[in-house]
Amino acid sequence: MANKTRGALRTARHARIRKSIAGSAERPRLAVHRSLKHISAQLIDDTTGKTLAAASSIEKGLGAKGNAEGAKVVGTKLAERAKEQGITSVVFDRGGFKYHGRVASLADGAREAGLEF
């Protein structure tokens, strides 16, 4: 583990998590990615490799910034888009990030908008 970068350690954590987590058409994987400025999330069907819905703080008109409040808006918008497609239950994939701050806020926003996980 010596001399590994922060990004390499996160990627290793994500790979470890992904061994046990997989999304399906009925229960897709809610994958979160957090950068220094933004946060994004996707609903992925791993059986076909397709993205079913996505939301990001980069989107125009969403009014979300890269902070915790913006993450909650992104989670809420993603849940709305999932509901339009009839998706109510997901598997949460934190992407190797700590379940804390912006990642937890996104999850809370999605839960409050009606997604179950």
Protein backbone atom coordinates (compact mmCIF):
# COMPACT_ATOMS: atom_id res chain seq x y z
CA MET A 1 0.00 0.00 0.00
CA ALA A 2 3.06 2.23 0.12
CA ASN A 3 3.30 5.06 -2.42
CA LYS A 4 -0.23 4.65 -3.77
CA THR A 5 -2.01 7.84 -4.64
CA ARG A 6 -5.31 8.84 -3.11
CA GLY A 7 -7.07 8.14 -6.41
CA ALA A 8 -5.52 4.67 -6.69
CA LEU A 9 -6.66 3.81 -3.16
CA ARG A 10 -10.22 4.98 -3.99
CA THR A 11 -10.22 2.91 -7.16
CA ALA A 12 -9.14 -0.16 -5.17
CA ARG A 13 -11.94 0.44 -2.64
CA HIS A 14 -14.44 0.79 -5.47
CA ALA A 15 -13.28 -2.47 -7.05
CA ARG A 16 -13.69 -4.21 -3.69
CA ILE A 17 -17.22 -2.84 -3.31
CA ARG A 18 -18.16 -3.77 -6.89
CA LYS A 19 -17.37 -7.44 -6.26
CA SER A 20 -20.53 -7.73 -4.20
CA ILE A 21 -22.75 -5.06 -5.82
CA ALA A 22 -24.47 -5.39 -9.19
CA GLY A 23 -27.46 -3.60 -10.69
CA SER A 24 -30.25 -5.16 -12.72
CA ALA A 25 -33.11 -3.76 -14.79
CA GLU A 26 -35.51 -4.12 -11.84
CA ARG A 27 -33.01 -2.83 -9.26
CA PRO A 28 -30.28 -0.74 -10.95
CA ARG A 29 -27.04 0.39 -9.32
CA LEU A 30 -26.99 4.03 -8.19
CA ALA A 31 -23.34 4.93 -8.89
CA VAL A 32 -22.00 8.15 -7.38
CA HIS A 33 -18.96 10.08 -8.56
CA ARG A 34 -17.60 13.04 -6.63
CA SER A 35 -14.96 15.38 -8.03
CA LEU A 36 -13.46 18.43 -6.38
CA LYS A 37 -16.04 20.77 -7.96
CA HIS A 38 -19.03 18.59 -8.89
CA ILE A 39 -21.03 15.49 -8.06
CA SER A 40 -22.87 13.16 -10.42
CA ALA A 41 -24.92 9.99 -10.17
CA GLN A 42 -26.20 7.38 -12.60
CA LEU A 43 -28.60 4.47 -12.50
CA ILE A 44 -26.89 1.57 -14.27
CA ASP A 45 -28.25 -1.80 -15.41
CA ASP A 46 -25.11 -3.98 -15.16
CA THR A 47 -26.66 -6.90 -17.05
CA THR A 48 -26.81 -4.85 -20.26
CA GLY A 49 -24.26 -2.17 -19.35
CA LYS A 50 -26.74 0.64 -20.00
CA THR A 51 -27.25 3.87 -18.09
CA LEU A 52 -30.97 4.23 -17.33
CA ALA A 53 -30.93 7.72 -15.79
CA ALA A 54 -28.35 10.29 -14.74
CA ALA A 55 -28.07 13.64 -12.97
CA SER A 56 -25.14 15.93 -12.32
CA SER A 57 -24.34 19.28 -10.73
CA ILE A 58 -22.85 20.32 -14.11
CA GLU A 59 -26.30 20.36 -15.78
CA LYS A 60 -27.68 23.72 -16.82
CA GLY A 61 -31.02 24.63 -15.28
CA LEU A 62 -30.65 22.25 -12.35
CA GLY A 63 -29.29 25.01 -10.12
CA ALA A 64 -27.05 22.62 -8.21
CA LYS A 65 -23.56 23.45 -7.06
CA GLY A 66 -20.91 20.96 -6.01
CA ASN A 67 -21.68 21.34 -2.30
CA ALA A 68 -23.92 19.28 0.02
CA GLU A 69 -27.06 21.26 -0.87
CA GLY A 70 -26.34 20.80 -4.57
CA ALA A 71 -25.76 17.08 -4.02
CA LYS A 72 -29.20 16.81 -2.44
CA VAL A 73 -30.73 18.52 -5.50
CA VAL A 74 -28.89 16.08 -7.80
CA GLY A 75 -30.20 13.12 -5.76
CA THR A 76 -33.75 14.44 -5.90
CA LYS A 77 -33.56 15.01 -9.67
CA LEU A 78 -32.15 11.52 -10.24
CA ALA A 79 -34.99 10.01 -8.21
CA GLU A 80 -37.56 11.96 -10.27
CA ARG A 81 -36.03 10.65 -13.51
CA ALA A 82 -36.03 7.12 -12.10
CA LYS A 83 -39.72 7.39 -11.15
CA GLU A 84 -40.54 8.43 -14.73
CA GLN A 85 -39.10 5.10 -15.87
CA GLY A 86 -40.88 3.13 -13.15
CA ILE A 87 -37.79 2.50 -11.01
CA THR A 88 -38.43 2.61 -7.26
CA SER A 89 -35.67 0.44 -5.77
CA VAL A 90 -31.89 0.72 -6.34
CA VAL A 91 -28.57 -0.63 -5.06
CA PHE A 92 -26.35 2.17 -3.72
CA ASP A 93 -22.74 2.27 -4.95
CA ARG A 94 -20.71 4.96 -3.19
CA GLY A 95 -17.84 4.52 -5.64
CA GLY A 96 -15.11 4.12 -3.05
CA PHE A 97 -15.95 7.46 -1.44
CA LYS A 98 -16.83 7.76 2.25
CA TYR A 99 -20.56 7.75 2.98
CA HIS A 100 -20.26 11.25 4.36
CA GLY A 101 -20.88 14.83 3.31
CA ARG A 102 -21.87 15.21 -0.34
CA VAL A 103 -22.26 11.46 -0.98
CA ALA A 104 -24.59 11.05 2.02
CA SER A 105 -26.48 14.21 1.04
CA LEU A 106 -27.10 12.86 -2.47
CA ALA A 107 -28.37 9.60 -0.98
CA ASP A 108 -30.68 11.48 1.40
CA GLY A 109 -32.11 13.54 -1.47
CA ALA A 110 -32.80 10.40 -3.51
CA ARG A 111 -34.45 8.69 -0.53
CA GLU A 112 -36.65 11.70 0.24
CA ALA A 113 -37.79 11.78 -3.41
CA GLY A 114 -38.93 8.16 -3.17
CA LEU A 115 -36.06 5.82 -4.09
CA GLU A 116 -35.61 2.83 -1.79
CA PHE A 117 -32.19 1.52 -0.78
